[in-house]
Amino acid sequence: MMRCFEHWFGPYPFYRDGFKLVETPHLGMEHQGAIAYGNGFRNGYRGTDLSGTGRGLEWDFIIIHESAHEWFANNVTAAESGDLWIHESFASYAESLYTECLTGSKEAGAEYVIGTRSRITNERPIIGDYGVNDQGPGDKYYKGGNLLHTLRQLVEDDERWRQALRGLNREFRHQAVSTAQVEAYLSEATGIPLAEFFQQYLRTAQVPALEVRREGARLRYRWADVVPGFDMPVRVAVGDGHMEWIHPTREWKRMDAPAGAPLKLDPNFYVVVREPTER
């Protein structure tokens, strides 16, 4: 676990403190240098796979999730309770990275994080109300993990993505930070303008909808349920073709497609595909 997290997030932030797991009567908590552990020495979360894929039963949830907080929570700390997604989204995403490390399979890690989408409710935005001790909804865990997994696809360079995650822990080492600081850093580190991306996934409860309409030998497509300026590219395949990038906006675009060939979305992107609700 330590080798995996140091690979992705950088050196363990508290070598002078050491690292300990302390058995407790409660389930667990990310105390700096001494993770509280009460998962009963079982794989999964109390013996349950939260992803529904079987991948979550290959490791002990509390050890992995709470230990990831040594980097995101104990090292890089949210200055405001409304920004606790900085703790929980990254720790939840770490579960899929550990699955990838454990199995040696990038696809296994993706399978895990995609599986957790069944637990997302989208009842309210991930970011809580500021100034009133609002820690945000439970979606800060797995919706947050999936937005980071989606961002990895946009970067399209795993080494650059790894260096961005390590850079967060280096740039904000032992600091309390805001969402704005994290957004700005990731935009710079990835080289991608991410203002609308974060506005959509952190500050609305809507999942971007790729609307697709068939017109003979063409497909029309556009984004719906998105903030102004949202233009995230995604990978799709038409029929049995190879995955390729398209660049939807809120305006209709067209692409050639054999009659009857469906459009398939790369499942690594946390979006939905549907027929248009209006013309």
C-alpha atoms as a PDB file:
ATOM      1  CA  MET A   1       0.000   0.000   0.000  1.00  0.00           C
ATOM      2  CA  MET A   2       2.727   2.469   0.950  1.00  0.00           C
ATOM      3  CA  ARG A   3       4.646   1.753  -2.255  1.00  0.00           C
ATOM      4  CA  CYS A   4       1.466   2.328  -4.267  1.00  0.00           C
ATOM      5  CA  PHE A   5       0.495   5.572  -2.570  1.00  0.00           C
ATOM      6  CA  GLU A   6       4.023   6.942  -2.606  1.00  0.00           C
ATOM      7  CA  HIS A   7       4.156   6.176  -6.320  1.00  0.00           C
ATOM      8  CA  TRP A   8       0.952   8.084  -7.037  1.00  0.00           C
ATOM      9  CA  PHE A   9       0.917  10.761  -4.331  1.00  0.00           C
ATOM     10  CA  GLY A  10       4.554  11.288  -3.355  1.00  0.00           C
ATOM     11  CA  PRO A  11       6.534  10.498  -0.201  1.00  0.00           C
ATOM     12  CA  TYR A  12       4.579   9.626   2.942  1.00  0.00           C
ATOM     13  CA  PRO A  13       4.136  13.043   4.598  1.00  0.00           C
ATOM     14  CA  PHE A  14       4.832  12.063   8.222  1.00  0.00           C
ATOM     15  CA  TYR A  15       7.986   9.966   8.418  1.00  0.00           C
ATOM     16  CA  ARG A  16       8.955  11.555  11.731  1.00  0.00           C
ATOM     17  CA  ASP A  17       5.647  10.416  13.211  1.00  0.00           C
ATOM     18  CA  GLY A  18       5.837   6.920  11.728  1.00  0.00           C
ATOM     19  CA  PHE A  19       2.780   5.013  10.540  1.00  0.00           C
ATOM     20  CA  LYS A  20       0.561   2.867  12.723  1.00  0.00           C
ATOM     21  CA  LEU A  21      -2.773   1.082  12.564  1.00  0.00           C
ATOM     22  CA  VAL A  22      -4.513   1.244  15.942  1.00  0.00           C
ATOM     23  CA  GLU A  23      -7.341  -1.219  16.569  1.00  0.00           C
ATOM     24  CA  THR A  24     -10.467   0.557  17.825  1.00  0.00           C
ATOM     25  CA  PRO A  25     -14.083  -0.337  18.684  1.00  0.00           C
ATOM     26  CA  HIS A  26     -15.300   2.052  15.962  1.00  0.00           C
ATOM     27  CA  LEU A  27     -14.912   1.471  12.230  1.00  0.00           C
ATOM     28  CA  GLY A  28     -12.058   3.809  11.412  1.00  0.00           C
ATOM     29  CA  MET A  29     -10.650   7.336  11.179  1.00  0.00           C
ATOM     30  CA  GLU A  30      -7.670   9.045   9.550  1.00  0.00           C
ATOM     31  CA  HIS A  31      -5.685  10.220  12.593  1.00  0.00           C
ATOM     32  CA  GLN A  32      -2.286  11.522  11.533  1.00  0.00           C
ATOM     33  CA  GLY A  33       0.334   8.817  11.898  1.00  0.00           C
ATOM     34  CA  ALA A  34      -2.057   6.453  13.703  1.00  0.00           C
ATOM     35  CA  ILE A  35      -4.995   5.262  11.621  1.00  0.00           C
ATOM     36  CA  ALA A  36      -7.905   4.016  13.722  1.00  0.00           C
ATOM     37  CA  TYR A  37      -8.953   0.578  12.472  1.00  0.00           C
ATOM     38  CA  GLY A  38     -12.052  -1.435  13.326  1.00  0.00           C
ATOM     39  CA  ASN A  39     -12.978  -3.349  10.185  1.00  0.00           C
ATOM     40  CA  GLY A  40     -12.699  -6.757  11.837  1.00  0.00           C
ATOM     41  CA  PHE A  41      -9.755  -7.949   9.736  1.00  0.00           C
ATOM     42  CA  ARG A  42     -11.982  -8.600   6.735  1.00  0.00           C
ATOM     43  CA  ASN A  43     -11.605  -7.527   3.149  1.00  0.00           C
ATOM     44  CA  GLY A  44     -14.114  -5.035   1.810  1.00  0.00           C
ATOM     45  CA  TYR A  45     -16.132  -2.591   3.904  1.00  0.00           C
ATOM     46  CA  ARG A  46     -17.310  -4.761   6.795  1.00  0.00           C
ATOM     47  CA  GLY A  47     -17.085  -7.638   4.345  1.00  0.00           C
ATOM     48  CA  THR A  48     -18.986  -5.803   1.578  1.00  0.00           C
ATOM     49  CA  ASP A  49     -17.688  -4.699  -1.819  1.00  0.00           C
ATOM     50  CA  LEU A  50     -18.840  -1.106  -2.261  1.00  0.00           C
ATOM     51  CA  SER A  51     -18.206  -1.270  -6.007  1.00  0.00           C
ATOM     52  CA  GLY A  52     -20.357  -4.340  -6.636  1.00  0.00           C
ATOM     53  CA  THR A  53     -17.673  -5.693  -8.961  1.00  0.00           C
ATOM     54  CA  GLY A  54     -15.840  -8.078  -6.660  1.00  0.00           C
ATOM     55  CA  ARG A  55     -12.737  -5.866  -6.790  1.00  0.00           C
ATOM     56  CA  GLY A  56     -13.481  -4.347  -3.402  1.00  0.00           C
ATOM     57  CA  LEU A  57     -13.158  -7.753  -1.727  1.00  0.00           C
ATOM     58  CA  GLU A  58      -9.502  -8.030  -2.752  1.00  0.00           C
ATOM     59  CA  TRP A  59      -8.339  -5.643  -0.001  1.00  0.00           C
ATOM     60  CA  ASP A  60      -9.322  -4.222   3.393  1.00  0.00           C
ATOM     61  CA  PHE A  61     -11.342  -1.060   2.773  1.00  0.00           C
ATOM     62  CA  ILE A  62     -10.566   0.734   6.032  1.00  0.00           C
ATOM     63  CA  ILE A  63      -6.814   0.224   5.786  1.00  0.00           C
ATOM     64  CA  ILE A  64      -6.697   1.537   2.212  1.00  0.00           C
ATOM     65  CA  HIS A  65      -9.214   4.384   2.414  1.00  0.00           C
ATOM     66  CA  GLU A  66      -8.172   5.782   5.777  1.00  0.00           C
ATOM     67  CA  SER A  67      -4.466   5.482   4.997  1.00  0.00           C
ATOM     68  CA  ALA A  68      -4.966   7.461   1.777  1.00  0.00           C
ATOM     69  CA  HIS A  69      -6.092  10.304   4.009  1.00  0.00           C
ATOM     70  CA  GLU A  70      -2.521  10.685   5.216  1.00  0.00           C
ATOM     71  CA  TRP A  71      -1.963  12.427   1.881  1.00  0.00           C
ATOM     72  CA  PHE A  72      -5.395  13.991   1.316  1.00  0.00           C
ATOM     73  CA  ALA A  73      -6.750  15.248   4.653  1.00  0.00           C
ATOM     74  CA  ASN A  74      -3.727  15.053   6.929  1.00  0.00           C
ATOM     75  CA  ASN A  75      -1.184  16.498   4.483  1.00  0.00           C
ATOM     76  CA  VAL A  76      -3.400  18.522   2.130  1.00  0.00           C
ATOM     77  CA  THR A  77      -6.217  19.723   4.383  1.00  0.00           C
ATOM     78  CA  ALA A  78      -9.447  21.515   3.482  1.00  0.00           C
ATOM     79  CA  ALA A  79      -9.580  24.903   5.184  1.00  0.00           C
ATOM     80  CA  GLU A  80     -13.390  24.919   5.115  1.00  0.00           C
ATOM     81  CA  SER A  81     -15.757  22.059   5.906  1.00  0.00           C
ATOM     82  CA  GLY A  82     -17.680  22.703   2.699  1.00  0.00           C
ATOM     83  CA  ASP A  83     -14.557  21.657   0.805  1.00  0.00           C
ATOM     84  CA  LEU A  84     -14.212  18.212   2.372  1.00  0.00           C
ATOM     85  CA  TRP A  85     -14.400  16.699  -1.089  1.00  0.00           C
ATOM     86  CA  ILE A  86     -10.631  17.429  -1.096  1.00  0.00           C
ATOM     87  CA  HIS A  87     -10.327  14.722   1.560  1.00  0.00           C
ATOM     88  CA  GLU A  88     -12.940  12.191   0.527  1.00  0.00           C
ATOM     89  CA  SER A  89     -12.883  12.365  -3.264  1.00  0.00           C
ATOM     90  CA  PHE A  90      -9.143  11.812  -3.429  1.00  0.00           C
ATOM     91  CA  ALA A  91      -9.232   9.059  -0.787  1.00  0.00           C
ATOM     92  CA  SER A  92     -12.047   7.324  -2.657  1.00  0.00           C
ATOM     93  CA  TYR A  93     -10.127   7.657  -5.896  1.00  0.00           C
ATOM     94  CA  ALA A  94      -7.134   6.136  -4.114  1.00  0.00           C
ATOM     95  CA  GLU A  95      -9.161   2.938  -3.723  1.00  0.00           C
ATOM     96  CA  SER A  96      -9.178   2.468  -7.493  1.00  0.00           C
ATOM     97  CA  LEU A  97      -5.487   3.349  -7.764  1.00  0.00           C
ATOM     98  CA  TYR A  98      -4.711   0.732  -5.128  1.00  0.00           C
ATOM     99  CA  THR A  99      -6.797  -1.813  -7.041  1.00  0.00           C
ATOM    100  CA  GLU A 100      -4.692  -0.965 -10.085  1.00  0.00           C
ATOM    101  CA  CYS A 101      -1.468  -1.385  -8.099  1.00  0.00           C
ATOM    102  CA  LEU A 102      -2.597  -4.638  -6.484  1.00  0.00           C
ATOM    103  CA  THR A 103      -3.705  -6.312  -9.701  1.00  0.00           C
ATOM    104  CA  GLY A 104      -1.233  -4.698 -12.075  1.00  0.00           C
ATOM    105  CA  SER A 105      -4.225  -3.844 -14.252  1.00  0.00           C
ATOM    106  CA  LYS A 106      -5.371  -0.338 -15.132  1.00  0.00           C
ATOM    107  CA  GLU A 107      -8.637  -1.878 -16.316  1.00  0.00           C
ATOM    108  CA  ALA A 108      -9.263  -3.427 -12.871  1.00  0.00           C
ATOM    109  CA  GLY A 109      -8.878  -0.056 -11.187  1.00  0.00           C
ATOM    110  CA  ALA A 110     -11.261   1.484 -13.702  1.00  0.00           C
ATOM    111  CA  GLU A 111     -13.756  -1.331 -13.161  1.00  0.00           C
ATOM    112  CA  TYR A 112     -13.751  -0.602  -9.442  1.00  0.00           C
ATOM    113  CA  VAL A 113     -14.314   3.157  -9.645  1.00  0.00           C
ATOM    114  CA  ILE A 114     -16.961   2.788 -12.362  1.00  0.00           C
ATOM    115  CA  GLY A 115     -18.732   0.254 -10.162  1.00  0.00           C
ATOM    116  CA  THR A 116     -19.036   2.764  -7.332  1.00  0.00           C
ATOM    117  CA  ARG A 117     -21.289   4.971  -9.460  1.00  0.00           C
ATOM    118  CA  SER A 118     -24.281   2.968  -8.279  1.00  0.00           C
ATOM    119  CA  ARG A 119     -23.837   4.713  -4.908  1.00  0.00           C
ATOM    120  CA  ILE A 120     -24.033   8.255  -6.323  1.00  0.00           C
ATOM    121  CA  THR A 121     -27.315  10.075  -5.641  1.00  0.00           C
ATOM    122  CA  ASN A 122     -26.782  13.511  -7.255  1.00  0.00           C
ATOM    123  CA  GLU A 123     -29.227  15.025  -4.787  1.00  0.00           C
ATOM    124  CA  ARG A 124     -27.075  18.126  -4.262  1.00  0.00           C
ATOM    125  CA  PRO A 125     -23.668  19.493  -5.276  1.00  0.00           C
ATOM    126  CA  ILE A 126     -20.540  17.954  -3.786  1.00  0.00           C
ATOM    127  CA  ILE A 127     -19.378  21.219  -2.245  1.00  0.00           C
ATOM    128  CA  GLY A 128     -21.244  22.122   0.926  1.00  0.00           C
ATOM    129  CA  ASP A 129     -22.492  25.535   1.995  1.00  0.00           C
ATOM    130  CA  TYR A 130     -19.660  27.632   3.338  1.00  0.00           C
ATOM    131  CA  GLY A 131     -19.584  29.146   6.808  1.00  0.00           C
ATOM    132  CA  VAL A 132     -22.188  26.860   8.390  1.00  0.00           C
ATOM    133  CA  ASN A 133     -20.225  23.652   9.105  1.00  0.00           C
ATOM    134  CA  ASP A 134     -21.798  21.879   6.116  1.00  0.00           C
ATOM    135  CA  GLN A 135     -19.559  18.967   5.094  1.00  0.00           C
ATOM    136  CA  GLY A 136     -21.387  18.343   1.843  1.00  0.00           C
ATOM    137  CA  PRO A 137     -23.270  15.182   0.818  1.00  0.00           C
ATOM    138  CA  GLY A 138     -22.063  11.604   0.629  1.00  0.00           C
ATOM    139  CA  ASP A 139     -21.431  12.126  -3.091  1.00  0.00           C
ATOM    140  CA  LYS A 140     -18.137  13.750  -2.135  1.00  0.00           C
ATOM    141  CA  TYR A 141     -16.854  10.167  -1.927  1.00  0.00           C
ATOM    142  CA  TYR A 142     -17.745   8.341  -5.127  1.00  0.00           C
ATOM    143  CA  LYS A 143     -18.943  11.122  -7.387  1.00  0.00           C
ATOM    144  CA  GLY A 144     -15.709  12.842  -6.433  1.00  0.00           C
ATOM    145  CA  GLY A 145     -13.710   9.710  -7.188  1.00  0.00           C
ATOM    146  CA  ASN A 146     -15.363   9.453 -10.585  1.00  0.00           C
ATOM    147  CA  LEU A 147     -14.742  13.072 -11.478  1.00  0.00           C
ATOM    148  CA  LEU A 148     -11.031  12.457 -10.802  1.00  0.00           C
ATOM    149  CA  HIS A 149     -11.126   9.281 -12.885  1.00  0.00           C
ATOM    150  CA  THR A 150     -12.768  11.283 -15.680  1.00  0.00           C
ATOM    151  CA  LEU A 151     -10.081  13.935 -15.376  1.00  0.00           C
ATOM    152  CA  ARG A 152      -7.412  11.257 -15.798  1.00  0.00           C
ATOM    153  CA  GLN A 153      -8.977  10.438 -19.178  1.00  0.00           C
ATOM    154  CA  LEU A 154      -8.820  14.084 -20.248  1.00  0.00           C
ATOM    155  CA  VAL A 155      -5.150  14.322 -19.317  1.00  0.00           C
ATOM    156  CA  GLU A 156      -4.524  11.241 -21.511  1.00  0.00           C
ATOM    157  CA  ASP A 157      -1.016  10.910 -20.070  1.00  0.00           C
ATOM    158  CA  ASP A 158      -0.717   8.823 -16.904  1.00  0.00           C
ATOM    159  CA  GLU A 159       2.713  10.138 -16.024  1.00  0.00           C
ATOM    160  CA  ARG A 160       1.521  13.723 -16.238  1.00  0.00           C
ATOM    161  CA  TRP A 161      -1.512  12.788 -14.153  1.00  0.00           C
ATOM    162  CA  ARG A 162       0.687  11.109 -11.556  1.00  0.00           C
ATOM    163  CA  GLN A 163       2.912  14.152 -11.348  1.00  0.00           C
ATOM    164  CA  ALA A 164      -0.150  16.372 -10.858  1.00  0.00           C
ATOM    165  CA  LEU A 165      -1.277  14.250  -7.883  1.00  0.00           C
ATOM    166  CA  ARG A 166       2.234  14.245  -6.439  1.00  0.00           C
ATOM    167  CA  GLY A 167       2.476  17.968  -7.071  1.00  0.00           C
ATOM    168  CA  LEU A 168      -0.617  18.677  -4.999  1.00  0.00           C
ATOM    169  CA  ASN A 169       1.034  16.994  -2.021  1.00  0.00           C
ATOM    170  CA  ARG A 170       4.288  18.818  -2.618  1.00  0.00           C
ATOM    171  CA  GLU A 171       2.829  22.271  -3.336  1.00  0.00           C
ATOM    172  CA  PHE A 172       0.382  22.216  -0.412  1.00  0.00           C
ATOM    173  CA  ARG A 173       2.405  20.073   2.004  1.00  0.00           C
ATOM    174  CA  HIS A 174       1.072  20.448   5.579  1.00  0.00           C
ATOM    175  CA  GLN A 175      -1.283  23.248   4.511  1.00  0.00           C
ATOM    176  CA  ALA A 176      -4.983  24.033   4.713  1.00  0.00           C
ATOM    177  CA  VAL A 177      -6.285  24.840   1.242  1.00  0.00           C
ATOM    178  CA  SER A 178      -9.441  25.798  -0.626  1.00  0.00           C
ATOM    179  CA  THR A 179     -11.177  24.229  -3.584  1.00  0.00           C
ATOM    180  CA  ALA A 180     -10.102  27.230  -5.655  1.00  0.00           C
ATOM    181  CA  GLN A 181      -6.440  26.468  -4.930  1.00  0.00           C
ATOM    182  CA  VAL A 182      -6.841  22.806  -5.892  1.00  0.00           C
ATOM    183  CA  GLU A 183      -8.691  23.735  -9.089  1.00  0.00           C
ATOM    184  CA  ALA A 184      -6.051  26.265 -10.091  1.00  0.00           C
ATOM    185  CA  TYR A 185      -3.204  23.854  -9.410  1.00  0.00           C
ATOM    186  CA  LEU A 186      -4.739  20.995 -11.392  1.00  0.00           C
ATOM    187  CA  SER A 187      -5.528  23.287 -14.322  1.00  0.00           C
ATOM    188  CA  GLU A 188      -1.907  24.416 -14.443  1.00  0.00           C
ATOM    189  CA  ALA A 189      -0.392  20.982 -13.838  1.00  0.00           C
ATOM    190  CA  THR A 190      -2.500  19.243 -16.473  1.00  0.00           C
ATOM    191  CA  GLY A 191      -2.429  22.071 -18.987  1.00  0.00           C
ATOM    192  CA  ILE A 192      -6.208  21.848 -19.358  1.00  0.00           C
ATOM    193  CA  PRO A 193      -8.633  24.737 -18.683  1.00  0.00           C
ATOM    194  CA  LEU A 194     -10.831  23.145 -16.030  1.00  0.00           C
ATOM    195  CA  ALA A 195     -13.059  25.982 -14.789  1.00  0.00           C
ATOM    196  CA  GLU A 196     -16.267  24.649 -16.371  1.00  0.00           C
ATOM    197  CA  PHE A 197     -15.322  21.037 -15.606  1.00  0.00           C
ATOM    198  CA  PHE A 198     -15.121  21.726 -11.869  1.00  0.00           C
ATOM    199  CA  GLN A 199     -18.117  24.045 -11.966  1.00  0.00           C
ATOM    200  CA  GLN A 200     -20.170  21.207 -13.449  1.00  0.00           C
ATOM    201  CA  TYR A 201     -19.028  18.334 -11.255  1.00  0.00           C
ATOM    202  CA  LEU A 202     -18.510  20.153  -7.942  1.00  0.00           C
ATOM    203  CA  ARG A 203     -21.152  22.886  -7.946  1.00  0.00           C
ATOM    204  CA  THR A 204     -24.112  21.298  -9.704  1.00  0.00           C
ATOM    205  CA  ALA A 205     -25.911  18.013  -9.079  1.00  0.00           C
ATOM    206  CA  GLN A 206     -26.433  17.352 -12.791  1.00  0.00           C
ATOM    207  CA  VAL A 207     -24.533  14.689 -14.684  1.00  0.00           C
ATOM    208  CA  PRO A 208     -23.465  15.909 -18.147  1.00  0.00           C
ATOM    209  CA  ALA A 209     -25.797  14.374 -20.714  1.00  0.00           C
ATOM    210  CA  LEU A 210     -24.508  13.606 -24.193  1.00  0.00           C
ATOM    211  CA  GLU A 211     -27.617  13.864 -26.333  1.00  0.00           C
ATOM    212  CA  VAL A 212     -27.436  11.874 -29.575  1.00  0.00           C
ATOM    213  CA  ARG A 213     -29.884  11.892 -32.485  1.00  0.00           C
ATOM    214  CA  ARG A 214     -29.757   9.737 -35.630  1.00  0.00           C
ATOM    215  CA  GLU A 215     -30.216  11.446 -39.013  1.00  0.00           C
ATOM    216  CA  GLY A 216     -29.746   8.869 -41.759  1.00  0.00           C
ATOM    217  CA  ALA A 217     -26.014   8.308 -42.230  1.00  0.00           C
ATOM    218  CA  ARG A 218     -25.140  10.904 -39.610  1.00  0.00           C
ATOM    219  CA  LEU A 219     -25.354  11.368 -35.883  1.00  0.00           C
ATOM    220  CA  ARG A 220     -26.017  14.688 -34.232  1.00  0.00           C
ATOM    221  CA  TYR A 221     -24.723  15.255 -30.711  1.00  0.00           C
ATOM    222  CA  ARG A 222     -24.461  17.952 -28.051  1.00  0.00           C
ATOM    223  CA  TRP A 223     -24.092  18.455 -24.314  1.00  0.00           C
ATOM    224  CA  ALA A 224     -27.198  19.007 -22.193  1.00  0.00           C
ATOM    225  CA  ASP A 225     -27.658  19.613 -18.462  1.00  0.00           C
ATOM    226  CA  VAL A 226     -24.331  21.429 -18.354  1.00  0.00           C
ATOM    227  CA  VAL A 227     -23.074  24.836 -17.245  1.00  0.00           C
ATOM    228  CA  PRO A 228     -22.406  27.556 -19.842  1.00  0.00           C
ATOM    229  CA  GLY A 229     -19.105  26.990 -21.616  1.00  0.00           C
ATOM    230  CA  PHE A 230     -18.898  23.269 -20.792  1.00  0.00           C
ATOM    231  CA  ASP A 231     -17.144  21.633 -23.737  1.00  0.00           C
ATOM    232  CA  MET A 232     -15.472  18.510 -22.329  1.00  0.00           C
ATOM    233  CA  PRO A 233     -14.300  16.121 -25.055  1.00  0.00           C
ATOM    234  CA  VAL A 234     -15.127  12.427 -24.708  1.00  0.00           C
ATOM    235  CA  ARG A 235     -14.144   9.195 -26.433  1.00  0.00           C
ATOM    236  CA  VAL A 236     -16.807   7.341 -28.384  1.00  0.00           C
ATOM    237  CA  ALA A 237     -17.037   4.543 -30.920  1.00  0.00           C
ATOM    238  CA  VAL A 238     -19.602   4.177 -33.671  1.00  0.00           C
ATOM    239  CA  GLY A 239     -20.762   0.624 -34.143  1.00  0.00           C
ATOM    240  CA  ASP A 240     -17.760  -1.695 -34.012  1.00  0.00           C
ATOM    241  CA  GLY A 241     -15.292   1.099 -34.756  1.00  0.00           C
ATOM    242  CA  HIS A 242     -12.352   2.243 -32.670  1.00  0.00           C
ATOM    243  CA  MET A 243     -12.679   4.810 -29.898  1.00  0.00           C
ATOM    244  CA  GLU A 244     -12.142   8.370 -31.096  1.00  0.00           C
ATOM    245  CA  TRP A 245     -12.420  11.790 -29.523  1.00  0.00           C
ATOM    246  CA  ILE A 246     -15.366  14.075 -30.176  1.00  0.00           C
ATOM    247  CA  HIS A 247     -15.711  17.618 -28.854  1.00  0.00           C
ATOM    248  CA  PRO A 248     -19.346  18.317 -27.983  1.00  0.00           C
ATOM    249  CA  THR A 249     -20.619  21.724 -26.915  1.00  0.00           C
ATOM    250  CA  ARG A 250     -24.123  22.884 -26.071  1.00  0.00           C
ATOM    251  CA  GLU A 251     -24.687  23.385 -29.825  1.00  0.00           C
ATOM    252  CA  TRP A 252     -25.489  20.522 -32.162  1.00  0.00           C
ATOM    253  CA  LYS A 253     -22.597  18.936 -34.066  1.00  0.00           C
ATOM    254  CA  ARG A 254     -22.616  16.169 -36.675  1.00  0.00           C
ATOM    255  CA  MET A 255     -20.526  13.119 -37.466  1.00  0.00           C
ATOM    256  CA  ASP A 256     -20.735  10.471 -40.160  1.00  0.00           C
ATOM    257  CA  ALA A 257     -22.059   7.125 -38.949  1.00  0.00           C
ATOM    258  CA  PRO A 258     -23.257   4.070 -40.870  1.00  0.00           C
ATOM    259  CA  ALA A 259     -27.025   3.701 -40.772  1.00  0.00           C
ATOM    260  CA  GLY A 260     -28.096   1.785 -37.696  1.00  0.00           C
ATOM    261  CA  ALA A 261     -24.664   1.899 -36.040  1.00  0.00           C
ATOM    262  CA  PRO A 262     -25.035   2.966 -32.388  1.00  0.00           C
ATOM    263  CA  LEU A 263     -22.750   5.428 -30.634  1.00  0.00           C
ATOM    264  CA  LYS A 264     -20.903   3.887 -27.691  1.00  0.00           C
ATOM    265  CA  LEU A 265     -19.386   6.033 -24.969  1.00  0.00           C
ATOM    266  CA  ASP A 266     -16.114   5.136 -23.263  1.00  0.00           C
ATOM    267  CA  PRO A 267     -17.402   4.173 -19.771  1.00  0.00           C
ATOM    268  CA  ASN A 268     -14.406   5.815 -18.106  1.00  0.00           C
ATOM    269  CA  PHE A 269     -16.181   9.163 -18.509  1.00  0.00           C
ATOM    270  CA  TYR A 270     -18.781   9.959 -15.875  1.00  0.00           C
ATOM    271  CA  VAL A 271     -21.527  11.186 -18.203  1.00  0.00           C
ATOM    272  CA  VAL A 272     -24.819   9.791 -19.474  1.00  0.00           C
ATOM    273  CA  VAL A 273     -25.937   9.239 -23.077  1.00  0.00           C
ATOM    274  CA  ARG A 274     -29.542   9.804 -24.053  1.00  0.00           C
ATOM    275  CA  GLU A 275     -31.843  10.872 -26.842  1.00  0.00           C
ATOM    276  CA  PRO A 276     -32.590  14.602 -26.829  1.00  0.00           C
ATOM    277  CA  THR A 277     -35.373  15.766 -24.579  1.00  0.00           C
ATOM    278  CA  GLU A 278     -36.195  18.637 -26.932  1.00  0.00           C
ATOM    279  CA  ARG A 279     -35.322  19.648 -30.497  1.00  0.00           C
END
